[in-house]
């Protein structure tokens, strides 16, 4: 799919901010707020709202077993036994036809059946749970010939059935909405009963954009009153509505699978591949192969975790992937499997440095997910990785991410607002906000739309909405109530300007919290030209001008803003001594802030004569709100300056009102993950510290750069400050080293030895 660039591409020249023009601009912007839309409806009546959607209960054995791996051969099986794997994923056989209940002579091929029985017996002998992976791995031609009407259809074709019968080897997938869906479930139930498997995973069962099979047409008409649109067009509400229906049907099928398998084996689990986690390629998929909340119907969603150049392996996205995966699991259990590839095309494993696999495994743990490697790659020291994870396992079991700041990833915004520009229109905002929080070591949990629930939001001090453009009326009301009750809010861009189906509202649904009205995009008016000839000789001038649009001056001088809380910061002053800086990113024009909101920063686009609000802040009810009309979060990912990180961090900290009890002071290359664990031994905080240094970073061409970590570079100067915590013991794991804190008032400070790659600071807490 061609990905278009959403912003005009013109050369911009720097301008200084004129205070007289600022005052004039603010007067011109002081317009009454447009009336809130009363015609924009909520989601269709047949669609189950997130507040009514119930996840499956994760099987207890899934929580208790953080050591999982994939194995194909008998040598892999022995490796799994040797390193103490607790959950083993292995291949099964194809979906057969007919069911054995209808024909006792049916079933899986003899060789596949014998292999599966052997693996199950060996796994259970060594107290391993076994998951049959990759279902469906194919179906028989007899089934295709018998029921071509069960196959997916991309277009209307009256000769479809005849074509399939003549050439059954070339066919689309079966549609789960057809009778095949129930047949498939019964086949899985037979396999579980016959072979004693503990669970299944799927590599398929995805939405393919459009299906016009007889079952889908009949059900869509009966359930929605409409006919299925004949083409994929995300710009049309009719197609978006169909997407919601297709996603809901997919969810219903997976729920039926789980319920049926648990009838066969009450402890049955679905530990399956997901396509709606943090893999960059899948974040760009539109329409998506599955809904975000589909992951809540899995005991463990699993992500193929790629680090090649196409998946931006050398960027913040590598860390965002598992953080988002944990979010779509409902902050329960999730797994990221790193792929041992040095580059994406050609797919090549021969040049992958083994140390990189260890780094990726520890990065997964630091972001709260398990890391199941493929044991068929022994050359990459997968056994060493399993041994290191085993040493850390006692502090992984049922450890829950600490709630302080929640960063929403809005899947409907990604789909219905991002369209064919998802990376620039939406993801850049998310990545920038996530990056700033991570580099400042703030405890930020990524959350999904399903978690916009009063009982879950109330745990967090602050909610981050990086350009969450598409919010339903129900979600907007939930956020409003959360803030009024004392929650903090940081929002940017066009947050709440569109409803759940991407239909434009005349103003922000959360405009009462932002204290401003939307007045349109803000663009500079600079013209091309002015390049030095020596400079121009060394660049692609067309690309240069495309990449340098939307440049502005952002400022917060004392005589221009009414509240300097966000910029009253020593580190920010070091980065921007003159109370103004260069900004490059999306900007939106809004009205003068209404009381109680105040002006925190201004932005003046190059080629324009007016400075307009860039940041607005103030108290709302018992909570605090920061709204960023200038996309500082987007800019910090796409064209970053260090001051943007401090500005975003200050916004988050101020809106939260109350700091987290643990402060990590460390270089920005150190990632911190905050978790709490309660068990029979007591209660403790587990703070993961991960050293992400790539010692040869930025030495290669950036558009092909991938992590090729091959050595440790220990980092010192790390300390933790603990405030008002009933500490009984602090120790480093997995080595068991006790740390002795120093005390200062209500704080305890502990120095961390130089960190090679990964450690856990375990803070044991006394009962209060």
Foldseek 3Di string as FASTA:
>chain_A
DDFDDDEDFFFFDADDADQVQAVVVQVVQFDDFDDWDPPDAFFDPLFDDLVRDDFDDFFQLQLQFLFEAEEEDVVLLVLCLVLPHAEYEYAAFAQEPDACVVPVVTDGPPVRLVVLLVSCVSQVVSNHAYEHEAPRPDYDLVVCLVCVLQAFDLADDPCSNVVCNVPVVDGHHGQLLPVVLVRSLVSVLVCCLVRVHQEYAHDDLWDPQDGDRPSCQVVCCVSPVDGQDRDRDLQDLSSLSVLSVSQVVSLVSLLVSVVSNCVSPVRHFYAYEDLPFLQQVSLQDAVHRHDLLSLSHGSEYEYAQEFFLVSVNVDLSSLRRLLRSCQSNVQRAYEYEYDQAHHVVVGDNPPFFLVVNLQSQLSNVQSQYRYHYHSVPCVSVVSVSSNQVVLVSVVNRPWGFQAAEEEEDESLCLHNVCPSNSVARPVLLSSLLVLLCFLQQARYGYHYPSQLDLVNLLRYLEYEARPLQEAALVSLVSVLVSQLVAHFYEYEANHQQAYSSRHGIQFHPNCVQQQKTFDWWDFADHHDDDDDPVVVVPDDVVVVSRLNTFKKKKFADPSNWDDQQLPPDPVLCVQPVPRMDIFHGIATAIHAGDPPKIAHMWIDTGRDNYIGGQWIWDGDNNFIYIYGRGSLSSCCRRPRGVSSSSSSVSSSCVRSVDGDQKRKDFGSQKGWTWIWDQDPVGIKIKIKIFRNDQPCPPVDDSSRDGRRRNFWDWGFPIKMKGFQFQFDFKAKPPVGHTWDWDDDVRITMTGDPTDRGMIIIITGGDDD
